[in-house]
Amino acid sequence: MRSVIIGVLLLSVAVSWAWAEVRTWSVSAEFVSLKPGSPQIAIMRRTDRTTFEVPLEQLSEADRAFIRTQLAMLAAASSTSTGAKVVVTNSAGKRITLDVPEVLKEVELNALECRTASEAVQVYKFFLAGPEITTDQRAAAEERIKHWLSLAEQKQLRLGDRWVTPEEYDDIKRKCDDMVQHSLELLRLKNHKLAREELVKASRFNPESEKADFLMGWIYALVARDDVKAIQHFAEATRRAPNNGYALNNLAVCEVFEKRYVLALEHFKKSLDLAPDKQPIAENLGATIESAARIRSVVIPKKTLDEFNDLYRMALRELKLKPGTKSLTFTLVTPYGKSFDRSGGDGVSGLLDEPQDAVVSTASGTGFVIAPGYVLTNHHVIEGATEIGVRDPEDRDKQYKAIVVASLEVPDLALLKVEGFNAPPLQLESKLPRRGTDLMALGFPLGNALGTELKTTRGAIISMSDPQLDGNCMIGAQINPGNSGGPIVDQQGNVIGVVVAKTYQERFISSYGIAIPCELVWPFLNKHLPDLKPVETGAAPLDWPDVDAKASPSTVFIMSLTRTTKSK
């Protein structure tokens, strides 16, 4: 069977290539493209993703004919796709039309999922920095990024399918919040029908806000007792606000009642990581396990039940949460963190009793001690936080309060001061070592979802500081949300970069991570810690377990909380 990769066309391949010499080699490879500037040389990709070049004249006539056919097909597709409309389905399940050629379909779709035009620009910059894009893809992307740069200059934000200025966005947000508040007044008056209509309007008016759908999910779960519709609205709330731990908990509870146990387990895991108050999630996990034993109609597959048990054990043992005190009691949580027994009352009183002050969201990331009492992390890890905590690496039950000394959006850095924190500092190299250098990344990926222990991954420097990436570099270590702000160290255990994991979409980072190289970190540190100096080079390399042992006591878990105060 013969097949190729041309542009974004992907087919499996196993081709025997006949050379002009007497011998013949059989190579399992994919045809990528012709070499730019050398149309008589084909670029091939092996199954291990490495590439090599071969002159067309050394291929068999059948193979050359096959490549000509594929190139002709691509040329035809490119000529008809210029200015063409590409129809795709976005993450909301909505069919949308993209004004880009076919070769940019995936990258444009990812750009459209960003919250800001600046993030969309970063998606395109990352794509352009990729080592394996074709000439056609590069030309199309360089043209399309001009559109996103124009929107970014105006600081435009996504509002559903539209992009608006910050002033427009704030006005729409204010009007939507007014609708939500009025719906609560209608609930107080017991007019559930009018309240629902008000919330439907609010949800459509601001397609980025989760507030209206959260409340509609609550009403369907506790007033109408319709878990199917409650699931629809809680799911929409979590799509709009993926870090809303309370919406995830409520979604999972409704899924348990609809016997969607695998989905419920997934959403409980995320909720346990993100919810400011995790106690209700632990109680709901216990109630699910108890119902499998005591209620005949509840039949949870053995594998899934074991995973529920593992998660419940982690909640009790590692997170120090408590078992529930009421048998078979499931708990929903209001938008501002008040727990409400699903089986009690009409559910409306829980929404109306809004506290004066409440923690509404949490975020987590990684940092590392850069000087005695100072921790370096990413700006986006602590952005908007009203409280920041740093966990002691030697005692997970001990947490220190941190304050922000300074932060920057570009490069994405923040310096925290942590009084009374005595963990040893890591030393920073003066510049990034050469491409191909081995490295280790340390951090707490996905927060509590993967347990509370520090994780390490290994890789190498894939690219040096790249202007397309705002000076950041690419690394081969696996990076996930939660790694943000963590150290990247060399084989001497010295920091050579800081992980960044905010603006790049998952479809583009399955193989590579993004890091701020140390030479971009130094101007920030020189300004705020002027006595800090680069480490002297020349130390002997360590075994990687010894590198881990050196860096781990200085690598910390960071939790940021955002509080809301009820307006008077």
Protein backbone atom coordinates (compact mmCIF):
# COMPACT_ATOMS: atom_id res chain seq x y z
CA MET A 1 0.00 0.00 0.00
CA ARG A 2 1.32 3.45 -0.86
CA SER A 3 0.23 6.71 0.76
CA VAL A 4 1.57 10.10 1.86
CA ILE A 5 1.45 13.15 4.07
CA ILE A 6 0.98 16.32 2.05
CA GLY A 7 0.14 19.41 4.06
CA VAL A 8 -2.45 18.25 6.52
CA LEU A 9 -3.47 15.13 4.61
CA LEU A 10 -2.52 12.20 6.82
CA LEU A 11 -2.58 8.56 5.76
CA SER A 12 -0.61 5.57 7.03
CA VAL A 13 2.34 4.66 4.84
CA ALA A 14 4.81 1.88 4.17
CA VAL A 15 6.73 2.50 0.94
CA SER A 16 9.66 0.68 -0.62
CA TRP A 17 11.90 3.25 -2.27
CA ALA A 18 14.16 1.99 -5.11
CA TRP A 19 17.45 3.84 -5.45
CA ALA A 20 19.53 4.24 -8.63
CA GLU A 21 22.16 1.89 -7.32
CA VAL A 22 21.96 -1.86 -7.61
CA ARG A 23 20.73 -2.18 -4.02
CA THR A 24 17.21 -1.46 -2.78
CA TRP A 25 16.29 -0.31 0.74
CA SER A 26 12.85 -0.70 2.25
CA VAL A 27 12.04 2.36 4.36
CA SER A 28 8.86 2.88 6.36
CA ALA A 29 8.30 6.60 5.86
CA GLU A 30 5.87 9.37 4.97
CA PHE A 31 6.25 11.87 2.17
CA VAL A 32 6.15 15.35 3.73
CA SER A 33 6.83 17.74 0.86
CA LEU A 34 9.37 18.79 -1.72
CA LYS A 35 12.35 20.61 -0.25
CA PRO A 36 11.81 24.42 -0.38
CA GLY A 37 14.06 25.82 -3.14
CA SER A 38 14.99 22.30 -4.29
CA PRO A 39 11.95 20.82 -6.06
CA GLN A 40 13.93 17.71 -7.10
CA ILE A 41 14.41 16.57 -3.51
CA ALA A 42 11.68 14.91 -1.45
CA ILE A 43 11.50 15.28 2.33
CA MET A 44 10.46 12.06 4.05
CA ARG A 45 9.46 11.35 7.65
CA ARG A 46 10.24 8.06 9.38
CA THR A 47 7.86 6.49 11.89
CA ASP A 48 10.00 7.89 14.74
CA ARG A 49 9.19 11.40 13.39
CA THR A 50 12.75 12.08 12.17
CA THR A 51 13.09 13.33 8.60
CA PHE A 52 15.51 12.66 5.76
CA GLU A 53 15.92 13.80 2.16
CA VAL A 54 16.04 11.73 -1.01
CA PRO A 55 16.48 12.93 -4.66
CA LEU A 56 13.44 12.20 -6.79
CA GLU A 57 15.66 10.70 -9.48
CA GLN A 58 16.62 7.90 -7.11
CA LEU A 59 12.99 6.84 -6.65
CA SER A 60 11.19 4.40 -8.88
CA GLU A 61 9.03 5.80 -11.67
CA ALA A 62 5.92 4.52 -9.92
CA ASP A 63 6.88 6.36 -6.74
CA ARG A 64 7.62 9.58 -8.61
CA ALA A 65 4.29 9.35 -10.42
CA PHE A 66 2.51 8.86 -7.13
CA ILE A 67 4.16 11.97 -5.64
CA ARG A 68 3.29 14.03 -8.72
CA THR A 69 -0.33 13.00 -8.39
CA GLN A 70 -0.44 13.98 -4.71
CA LEU A 71 1.24 17.34 -5.38
CA ALA A 72 -1.28 18.06 -8.12
CA MET A 73 -4.12 17.27 -5.75
CA LEU A 74 -2.67 19.59 -3.13
CA ALA A 75 -2.17 22.38 -5.66
CA ALA A 76 -5.78 22.04 -6.77
CA ALA A 77 -6.98 22.11 -3.18
CA SER A 78 -4.84 25.17 -2.41
CA SER A 79 -6.04 27.08 -5.47
CA THR A 80 -9.67 26.50 -4.63
CA SER A 81 -9.22 27.13 -0.91
CA THR A 82 -7.84 30.67 -1.17
CA GLY A 83 -10.60 32.80 0.32
CA ALA A 84 -12.75 29.69 0.58
CA LYS A 85 -15.02 28.91 3.51
CA VAL A 86 -14.21 25.94 5.70
CA VAL A 87 -17.09 24.61 7.83
CA VAL A 88 -16.17 22.98 11.16
CA THR A 89 -17.75 22.15 14.52
CA ASN A 90 -16.42 24.11 17.51
CA SER A 91 -16.13 22.98 21.15
CA ALA A 92 -19.71 24.09 21.82
CA GLY A 93 -20.96 21.70 19.14
CA LYS A 94 -21.89 24.58 16.84
CA ARG A 95 -21.20 24.52 13.10
CA ILE A 96 -19.14 27.57 12.15
CA THR A 97 -17.54 28.81 8.95
CA LEU A 98 -13.84 29.71 8.92
CA ASP A 99 -12.54 32.27 6.45
CA VAL A 100 -9.22 30.45 6.01
CA PRO A 101 -7.76 27.86 3.64
CA GLU A 102 -8.07 24.20 4.52
CA VAL A 103 -4.42 24.00 5.62
CA LEU A 104 -5.18 26.38 8.53
CA LYS A 105 -8.42 24.78 9.69
CA GLU A 106 -7.07 23.32 12.94
CA VAL A 107 -4.95 26.28 13.98
CA GLU A 108 -7.74 28.77 13.25
CA LEU A 109 -10.22 26.70 15.22
CA ASN A 110 -7.83 26.77 18.18
CA ALA A 111 -7.39 30.52 17.83
CA LEU A 112 -11.14 31.00 17.91
CA GLU A 113 -11.32 29.07 21.20
CA CYS A 114 -9.05 31.62 22.91
CA ARG A 115 -10.52 34.19 25.28
CA THR A 116 -8.47 37.09 23.93
CA ALA A 117 -7.07 38.07 20.56
CA SER A 118 -3.62 38.21 22.15
CA GLU A 119 -3.88 34.52 23.00
CA ALA A 120 -4.99 33.77 19.44
CA VAL A 121 -1.83 35.51 18.21
CA GLN A 122 0.21 33.21 20.44
CA VAL A 123 -1.49 30.16 18.93
CA TYR A 124 -0.40 31.28 15.47
CA LYS A 125 3.10 32.14 16.68
CA PHE A 126 3.46 28.68 18.13
CA PHE A 127 2.21 27.12 14.91
CA LEU A 128 4.69 29.15 12.85
CA ALA A 129 7.51 28.06 15.16
CA GLY A 130 6.77 24.39 14.51
CA PRO A 131 9.62 22.56 12.78
CA GLU A 132 7.51 20.61 10.31
CA ILE A 133 5.00 22.99 8.74
CA THR A 134 4.92 23.18 4.95
CA THR A 135 5.65 26.21 2.78
CA ASP A 136 1.94 26.60 2.00
CA GLN A 137 0.98 26.45 5.67
CA ARG A 138 3.61 29.03 6.60
CA ALA A 139 2.52 31.47 3.89
CA ALA A 140 -1.14 31.13 4.85
CA ALA A 141 -0.41 31.48 8.59
CA GLU A 142 1.78 34.55 8.11
CA GLU A 143 -1.08 36.17 6.22
CA ARG A 144 -3.76 35.17 8.75
CA ILE A 145 -1.81 36.29 11.81
CA LYS A 146 -2.08 39.87 10.54
CA HIS A 147 -5.83 39.70 11.25
CA TRP A 148 -5.26 38.54 14.83
CA LEU A 149 -2.52 41.11 15.43
CA SER A 150 -4.95 43.83 14.40
CA LEU A 151 -7.54 42.58 16.91
CA ALA A 152 -4.87 42.19 19.60
CA GLU A 153 -3.80 45.83 19.17
CA GLN A 154 -7.37 46.78 20.12
CA LYS A 155 -7.23 44.30 23.05
CA GLN A 156 -10.35 42.61 21.70
CA LEU A 157 -12.08 39.81 23.61
CA ARG A 158 -14.19 36.91 22.42
CA LEU A 159 -17.93 37.18 22.95
CA GLY A 160 -19.45 34.02 21.51
CA ASP A 161 -18.83 34.21 17.77
CA ARG A 162 -17.90 37.92 17.91
CA TRP A 163 -14.82 39.86 18.96
CA VAL A 164 -15.45 43.08 20.85
CA THR A 165 -13.50 45.85 22.56
CA PRO A 166 -12.99 45.76 26.35
CA GLU A 167 -15.51 48.59 26.72
CA GLU A 168 -18.19 46.66 24.83
CA TYR A 169 -17.39 43.52 26.79
CA ASP A 170 -17.70 45.27 30.16
CA ASP A 171 -21.03 46.83 29.17
CA ILE A 172 -22.47 43.46 28.10
CA LYS A 173 -21.15 41.81 31.25
CA ARG A 174 -22.78 44.45 33.45
CA LYS A 175 -26.15 44.11 31.71
CA CYS A 176 -25.98 40.31 31.92
CA ASP A 177 -25.20 40.46 35.65
CA ASP A 178 -28.23 42.73 36.10
CA MET A 179 -30.41 40.10 34.39
CA VAL A 180 -29.05 37.36 36.66
CA GLN A 181 -29.67 39.45 39.76
CA HIS A 182 -33.24 40.16 38.63
CA SER A 183 -33.81 36.44 38.08
CA LEU A 184 -32.93 35.88 41.75
CA GLU A 185 -35.57 38.45 42.73
CA LEU A 186 -38.11 36.58 40.58
CA LEU A 187 -37.14 33.36 42.36
CA ARG A 188 -37.73 35.05 45.69
CA LEU A 189 -41.22 35.93 44.43
CA LYS A 190 -41.71 32.22 43.54
CA ASN A 191 -42.18 32.97 39.84
CA HIS A 192 -39.92 30.25 38.51
CA LYS A 193 -41.18 30.60 34.94
CA LEU A 194 -40.23 34.28 34.68
CA ALA A 195 -36.92 33.59 36.41
CA ARG A 196 -36.06 30.91 33.86
CA GLU A 197 -36.96 33.21 30.94
CA GLU A 198 -34.73 35.93 32.39
CA LEU A 199 -31.84 33.49 32.72
CA VAL A 200 -32.28 32.20 29.15
CA LYS A 201 -32.01 35.80 27.91
CA ALA A 202 -28.94 36.42 30.07
CA SER A 203 -27.22 33.28 28.77
CA ARG A 204 -27.78 34.31 25.15
CA PHE A 205 -26.84 37.94 25.81
CA ASN A 206 -23.43 37.04 27.22
CA PRO A 207 -22.31 33.67 25.77
CA GLU A 208 -19.06 33.84 27.76
CA SER A 209 -20.62 34.01 31.23
CA GLU A 210 -21.48 30.80 33.08
CA LYS A 211 -23.67 32.47 35.72
CA ALA A 212 -27.06 32.09 34.05
CA ASP A 213 -26.53 28.45 33.07
CA PHE A 214 -25.25 27.62 36.56
CA LEU A 215 -28.50 28.97 38.04
CA MET A 216 -30.65 27.20 35.44
CA GLY A 217 -28.87 23.94 36.26
CA TRP A 218 -29.59 24.56 39.93
CA ILE A 219 -33.28 25.23 39.30
CA TYR A 220 -33.70 22.10 37.16
CA ALA A 221 -31.87 19.95 39.72
CA LEU A 222 -33.56 21.20 42.89
CA VAL A 223 -36.82 22.79 41.81
CA ALA A 224 -37.95 21.01 38.64
CA ARG A 225 -36.13 17.77 39.61
CA ASP A 226 -35.08 17.26 35.99
CA ASP A 227 -31.52 15.95 36.03
CA VAL A 228 -31.25 15.65 32.25
CA LYS A 229 -31.83 19.38 31.75
CA ALA A 230 -29.75 20.18 34.82
CA ILE A 231 -26.86 18.29 33.21
CA GLN A 232 -27.24 20.31 30.01
CA HIS A 233 -26.95 23.62 31.85
CA PHE A 234 -24.20 22.62 34.28
CA ALA A 235 -22.25 21.21 31.33
CA GLU A 236 -22.65 24.51 29.48
CA ALA A 237 -21.51 26.38 32.60
CA THR A 238 -18.35 24.25 32.79
CA ARG A 239 -17.69 24.69 29.07
CA ARG A 240 -17.77 28.45 29.52
CA ALA A 241 -15.86 28.34 32.83
CA PRO A 242 -13.74 25.13 32.85
CA ASN A 243 -12.23 26.03 36.25
CA ASN A 244 -15.55 26.39 38.07
CA GLY A 245 -15.20 23.59 40.63
CA TYR A 246 -18.69 24.03 42.05
CA ALA A 247 -20.37 23.69 38.65
CA LEU A 248 -18.30 20.53 38.06
CA ASN A 249 -19.46 19.08 41.38
CA ASN A 250 -23.11 19.78 40.60
CA LEU A 251 -22.75 18.32 37.12
CA ALA A 252 -21.23 15.14 38.56
CA VAL A 253 -24.00 14.74 41.14
CA CYS A 254 -26.69 14.99 38.45
CA GLU A 255 -24.75 12.51 36.30
CA VAL A 256 -24.73 10.01 39.19
CA PHE A 257 -28.52 10.24 39.38
CA GLU A 258 -28.70 9.65 35.62
CA LYS A 259 -26.33 6.65 35.95
CA ARG A 260 -23.60 8.33 33.91
CA TYR A 261 -20.95 7.10 36.29
CA VAL A 262 -17.84 7.38 34.12
CA LEU A 263 -18.57 11.04 33.34
CA ALA A 264 -19.43 11.71 36.97
CA LEU A 265 -16.09 10.29 38.07
CA GLU A 266 -14.22 12.52 35.60
CA HIS A 267 -16.05 15.62 36.79
CA PHE A 268 -15.62 14.79 40.48
CA LYS A 269 -11.86 14.50 39.84
CA LYS A 270 -11.73 17.94 38.26
CA SER A 271 -13.94 19.43 40.95
CA LEU A 272 -11.72 18.02 43.68
CA ASP A 273 -8.81 19.85 42.12
CA LEU A 274 -10.56 23.17 41.44
CA ALA A 275 -13.24 23.76 44.09
CA PRO A 276 -12.20 26.16 46.89
CA ASP A 277 -14.12 24.05 49.43
CA LYS A 278 -13.49 20.38 48.66
CA GLN A 279 -15.44 18.86 51.54
CA PRO A 280 -18.75 18.53 49.62
CA ILE A 281 -16.99 16.59 46.85
CA ALA A 282 -15.59 14.09 49.34
CA GLU A 283 -19.07 13.59 50.81
CA ASN A 284 -20.54 13.07 47.34
CA LEU A 285 -17.89 10.47 46.52
CA GLY A 286 -18.77 8.62 49.73
CA ALA A 287 -22.48 8.82 48.96
CA THR A 288 -21.90 7.38 45.48
CA ILE A 289 -19.93 4.44 46.89
CA GLU A 290 -22.56 3.86 49.58
CA SER A 291 -25.42 3.94 47.06
CA ALA A 292 -23.70 1.18 45.03
CA ALA A 293 -23.88 -1.05 48.10
CA ARG A 294 -27.31 -0.14 49.44
CA ILE A 295 -29.52 0.73 46.47
CA ARG A 296 -30.38 -2.17 44.18
CA SER A 297 -30.94 -0.02 41.09
CA VAL A 298 -27.46 1.50 41.35
CA VAL A 299 -25.12 -0.75 39.37
CA ILE A 300 -21.67 0.81 38.91
CA PRO A 301 -19.17 -1.22 36.83
CA LYS A 302 -16.42 -2.74 38.98
CA LYS A 303 -13.59 -0.81 37.31
CA THR A 304 -15.42 2.50 37.69
CA LEU A 305 -16.35 1.76 41.30
CA ASP A 306 -12.69 0.98 42.05
CA GLU A 307 -11.73 4.35 40.60
CA PHE A 308 -14.37 6.07 42.75
CA ASN A 309 -12.83 4.30 45.74
CA ASP A 310 -9.29 5.39 44.79
CA LEU A 311 -10.43 9.00 44.46
CA TYR A 312 -12.30 8.84 47.77
CA ARG A 313 -9.23 7.39 49.48
CA MET A 314 -7.07 10.21 48.11
CA ALA A 315 -9.61 12.80 49.32
CA LEU A 316 -9.58 11.40 52.85
CA ARG A 317 -5.92 10.43 53.22
CA GLU A 318 -4.01 12.99 51.15
CA LEU A 319 -6.34 15.98 51.23
CA LYS A 320 -7.41 15.31 54.85
CA LEU A 321 -11.13 15.72 54.06
CA LYS A 322 -13.78 14.15 56.29
CA PRO A 323 -16.41 11.48 55.53
CA GLY A 324 -20.00 12.63 55.34
CA THR A 325 -22.11 12.40 58.47
CA LYS A 326 -25.46 11.76 56.74
CA SER A 327 -26.19 8.49 54.96
CA LEU A 328 -26.81 8.63 51.19
CA THR A 329 -26.77 12.42 51.12
CA PHE A 330 -25.67 14.24 47.99
CA THR A 331 -24.65 17.89 48.14
CA LEU A 332 -24.95 20.62 45.52
CA VAL A 333 -22.98 23.84 45.93
CA THR A 334 -24.14 27.38 45.14
CA PRO A 335 -22.04 29.68 42.92
CA TYR A 336 -20.49 31.23 46.03
CA GLY A 337 -19.72 27.99 47.84
CA LYS A 338 -22.65 27.28 50.14
CA SER A 339 -23.50 23.56 50.38
CA PHE A 340 -27.12 22.49 49.97
CA ASP A 341 -28.60 19.06 50.64
CA ARG A 342 -30.10 17.87 47.35
CA SER A 343 -32.95 16.13 49.14
CA GLY A 344 -33.97 19.05 51.37
CA GLY A 345 -36.12 22.12 50.74
CA ASP A 346 -37.04 23.68 47.42
CA GLY A 347 -33.50 24.68 46.56
CA VAL A 348 -34.24 28.35 46.03
CA SER A 349 -33.37 29.52 49.53
CA GLY A 350 -29.79 28.37 49.04
CA LEU A 351 -29.39 30.69 46.06
CA LEU A 352 -30.94 33.71 47.77
CA ASP A 353 -28.80 33.50 50.90
CA GLU A 354 -25.66 35.00 49.34
CA PRO A 355 -22.79 35.49 51.82
CA GLN A 356 -21.13 38.87 52.20
CA ASP A 357 -17.75 37.39 51.33
CA ALA A 358 -16.90 34.10 49.64
CA VAL A 359 -14.11 32.31 47.79
CA VAL A 360 -15.45 31.71 44.29
CA SER A 361 -12.50 30.28 42.41
CA THR A 362 -9.09 28.76 42.86
CA ALA A 363 -6.14 28.15 40.59
CA SER A 364 -2.95 26.24 41.12
CA GLY A 365 0.50 26.17 39.66
CA THR A 366 4.14 25.64 40.47
CA GLY A 367 6.96 27.90 41.59
CA PHE A 368 10.48 27.59 42.91
CA VAL A 369 12.58 29.35 45.52
CA ILE A 370 14.95 31.76 43.77
CA ALA A 371 16.32 33.52 46.87
CA PRO A 372 15.73 33.13 50.63
CA GLY A 373 12.05 33.94 51.21
CA TYR A 374 11.31 34.58 47.50
CA VAL A 375 9.47 32.34 45.01
CA LEU A 376 9.41 32.76 41.21
CA THR A 377 6.38 31.63 39.19
CA ASN A 378 4.23 32.72 36.21
CA HIS A 379 2.15 35.89 36.18
CA HIS A 380 -0.90 33.94 35.01
CA VAL A 381 -0.72 31.58 38.02
CA ILE A 382 -1.48 34.43 40.43
CA GLU A 383 -3.33 36.83 38.12
CA GLY A 384 -6.45 38.25 39.78
CA ALA A 385 -5.86 36.37 43.04
CA THR A 386 -6.87 37.96 46.33
CA GLU A 387 -4.98 35.37 48.39
CA ILE A 388 -1.90 33.30 47.49
CA GLY A 389 -0.60 30.31 49.41
CA VAL A 390 2.70 28.43 49.05
CA ARG A 391 2.83 24.86 50.35
CA ASP A 392 5.90 23.70 52.23
CA PRO A 393 7.57 20.96 50.12
CA GLU A 394 8.64 19.17 53.31
CA ASP A 395 5.24 19.36 55.04
CA ARG A 396 2.12 19.29 52.85
CA ASP A 397 -0.08 20.33 55.78
CA LYS A 398 1.85 23.60 56.18
CA GLN A 399 1.09 26.58 53.98
CA TYR A 400 2.62 30.05 53.91
CA LYS A 401 0.94 33.27 52.84
CA ALA A 402 2.62 34.97 49.88
CA ILE A 403 2.44 38.51 48.56
CA VAL A 404 3.23 39.68 45.04
CA VAL A 405 6.42 41.73 44.81
CA ALA A 406 6.27 42.20 41.03
CA SER A 407 4.74 40.58 37.95
CA LEU A 408 4.88 40.90 34.17
CA GLU A 409 2.67 39.62 31.37
CA VAL A 410 5.62 39.34 28.93
CA PRO A 411 7.70 37.52 29.93
CA ASP A 412 5.09 35.70 32.01
CA LEU A 413 6.75 36.06 35.43
CA ALA A 414 5.81 36.87 39.01
CA LEU A 415 7.96 37.22 42.11
CA LEU A 416 6.40 36.33 45.47
CA LYS A 417 7.66 37.13 48.96
CA VAL A 418 6.97 34.38 51.50
CA GLU A 419 7.68 35.35 55.11
CA GLY A 420 9.16 32.62 57.29
CA PHE A 421 9.73 30.22 54.40
CA ASN A 422 13.18 28.67 54.61
CA ALA A 423 13.36 26.25 51.65
CA PRO A 424 16.73 26.34 49.84
CA PRO A 425 16.96 28.46 46.68
CA LEU A 426 17.83 27.08 43.25
CA GLN A 427 20.53 28.73 41.20
CA LEU A 428 19.91 30.14 37.74
CA GLU A 429 22.20 29.80 34.74
CA SER A 430 23.09 32.95 32.80
CA LYS A 431 21.80 31.67 29.46
CA LEU A 432 20.04 28.75 27.84
CA PRO A 433 22.39 25.90 26.86
CA ARG A 434 22.52 24.68 23.29
CA ARG A 435 19.73 22.89 21.45
CA GLY A 436 19.57 19.18 22.26
CA THR A 437 20.68 19.61 25.89
CA ASP A 438 18.92 17.21 28.25
CA LEU A 439 16.68 18.72 30.94
CA MET A 440 14.18 17.96 33.67
CA ALA A 441 10.89 19.78 34.33
CA LEU A 442 9.43 19.74 37.86
CA GLY A 443 5.92 20.66 38.90
CA PHE A 444 2.44 19.78 40.03
CA PRO A 445 0.51 19.04 36.79
CA LEU A 446 -3.29 19.08 37.02
CA GLY A 447 -3.19 19.98 40.70
CA ASN A 448 -4.73 17.38 42.98
CA ALA A 449 -6.18 15.38 40.08
CA LEU A 450 -2.89 13.46 39.75
CA GLY A 451 -2.18 13.42 43.48
CA THR A 452 -0.32 15.94 45.59
CA GLU A 453 3.21 14.66 45.05
CA LEU A 454 5.76 16.56 42.95
CA LYS A 455 6.12 15.19 39.39
CA THR A 456 9.15 15.28 37.09
CA THR A 457 9.48 14.71 33.36
CA ARG A 458 12.55 14.54 31.17
CA GLY A 459 13.27 15.86 27.70
CA ALA A 460 15.62 18.09 25.75
CA ILE A 461 15.73 21.62 24.36
CA ILE A 462 13.90 21.48 21.03
CA SER A 463 14.42 25.10 19.94
CA MET A 464 16.31 28.10 21.24
CA SER A 465 14.73 31.45 22.12
CA ASP A 466 12.31 32.14 19.27
CA PRO A 467 10.94 35.61 18.34
CA GLN A 468 7.80 33.87 17.05
CA LEU A 469 7.16 32.78 20.66
CA ASP A 470 7.94 36.12 22.33
CA GLY A 471 11.45 34.85 22.95
CA ASN A 472 10.35 31.62 24.60
CA CYS A 473 11.86 28.25 23.73
CA MET A 474 10.44 24.81 23.02
CA ILE A 475 11.24 21.76 25.16
CA GLY A 476 10.59 18.06 24.69
CA ALA A 477 9.40 17.36 28.26
CA GLN A 478 5.69 16.67 28.79
CA ILE A 479 3.98 19.78 30.17
CA ASN A 480 0.41 20.08 31.49
CA PRO A 481 -1.64 22.79 33.22
CA GLY A 482 -0.33 23.02 36.76
CA ASN A 483 3.29 22.84 35.60
CA SER A 484 3.09 26.59 34.99
CA GLY A 485 5.86 28.47 36.80
CA GLY A 486 7.90 25.36 37.53
CA PRO A 487 11.66 25.14 37.06
CA ILE A 488 13.42 23.52 34.13
CA VAL A 489 16.82 22.35 35.26
CA ASP A 490 19.94 21.02 33.57
CA GLN A 491 21.99 18.02 34.67
CA GLN A 492 23.78 20.12 37.27
CA GLY A 493 20.41 20.90 38.89
CA ASN A 494 20.55 24.58 37.87
CA VAL A 495 17.56 26.42 36.44
CA ILE A 496 17.72 27.08 32.68
CA GLY A 497 14.10 28.11 32.16
CA VAL A 498 10.61 28.58 33.60
CA VAL A 499 7.63 26.58 32.34
CA VAL A 500 4.79 28.46 30.62
CA ALA A 501 1.47 26.65 30.07
CA LYS A 502 -1.30 29.17 29.61
CA THR A 503 -1.87 30.44 26.11
CA TYR A 504 -1.10 27.41 23.98
CA GLN A 505 -3.89 25.08 23.00
CA GLU A 506 -3.71 21.37 23.81
CA ARG A 507 -3.92 20.24 20.20
CA PHE A 508 -0.58 21.93 19.59
CA ILE A 509 1.33 20.93 22.74
CA SER A 510 0.99 17.15 22.82
CA SER A 511 4.70 16.76 22.05
CA TYR A 512 6.32 20.05 23.09
CA GLY A 513 6.34 22.40 26.05
CA ILE A 514 7.03 26.13 26.17
CA ALA A 515 9.51 27.74 28.55
CA ILE A 516 10.93 31.17 29.32
CA PRO A 517 14.72 30.86 28.84
CA CYS A 518 16.88 32.06 31.70
CA GLU A 519 18.31 35.01 29.75
CA LEU A 520 14.78 36.50 29.62
CA VAL A 521 14.33 35.93 33.35
CA TRP A 522 17.44 37.86 34.41
CA PRO A 523 16.25 41.42 33.56
CA PHE A 524 13.20 40.83 35.77
CA LEU A 525 15.30 39.42 38.62
CA ASN A 526 17.98 42.11 38.32
CA LYS A 527 15.34 44.77 38.85
CA HIS A 528 13.74 43.21 41.92
CA LEU A 529 16.56 41.09 43.41
CA PRO A 530 19.66 43.06 42.35
CA ASP A 531 22.03 41.06 44.56
CA LEU A 532 21.18 37.79 42.80
CA LYS A 533 23.89 36.47 40.46
CA PRO A 534 24.06 33.61 37.91
CA VAL A 535 25.60 30.34 39.02
CA GLU A 536 29.20 29.72 38.09
CA THR A 537 29.39 27.07 35.37
CA GLY A 538 31.66 24.06 35.24
CA ALA A 539 30.13 21.74 37.84
CA ALA A 540 30.12 18.03 37.04
CA PRO A 541 26.83 16.55 35.81
CA LEU A 542 24.74 14.59 38.30
CA ASP A 543 22.71 11.43 37.84
CA TRP A 544 19.11 12.43 37.13
CA PRO A 545 17.76 11.05 40.44
CA ASP A 546 20.33 13.29 42.16
CA VAL A 547 19.14 16.24 40.06
CA ASP A 548 15.61 15.52 41.29
CA ALA A 549 16.84 15.33 44.89
CA LYS A 550 18.60 18.69 44.51
CA ALA A 551 15.70 20.58 42.89
CA SER A 552 12.64 19.09 44.59
CA PRO A 553 13.09 20.72 48.06
CA SER A 554 12.95 24.12 46.32
CA THR A 555 9.94 23.43 44.07
CA VAL A 556 6.59 24.49 45.55
CA PHE A 557 2.87 24.09 44.95
CA ILE A 558 1.07 27.45 44.65
CA MET A 559 -2.65 27.94 45.31
CA SER A 560 -4.34 31.23 44.45
CA LEU A 561 -7.81 32.14 45.70
CA THR A 562 -10.22 34.73 44.36
CA ARG A 563 -12.78 36.18 46.76
CA THR A 564 -15.90 38.07 45.87
CA THR A 565 -17.60 40.64 48.07
CA LYS A 566 -21.33 41.14 47.88
CA SER A 567 -22.18 44.61 46.66
CA LYS A 568 -24.18 46.72 49.10
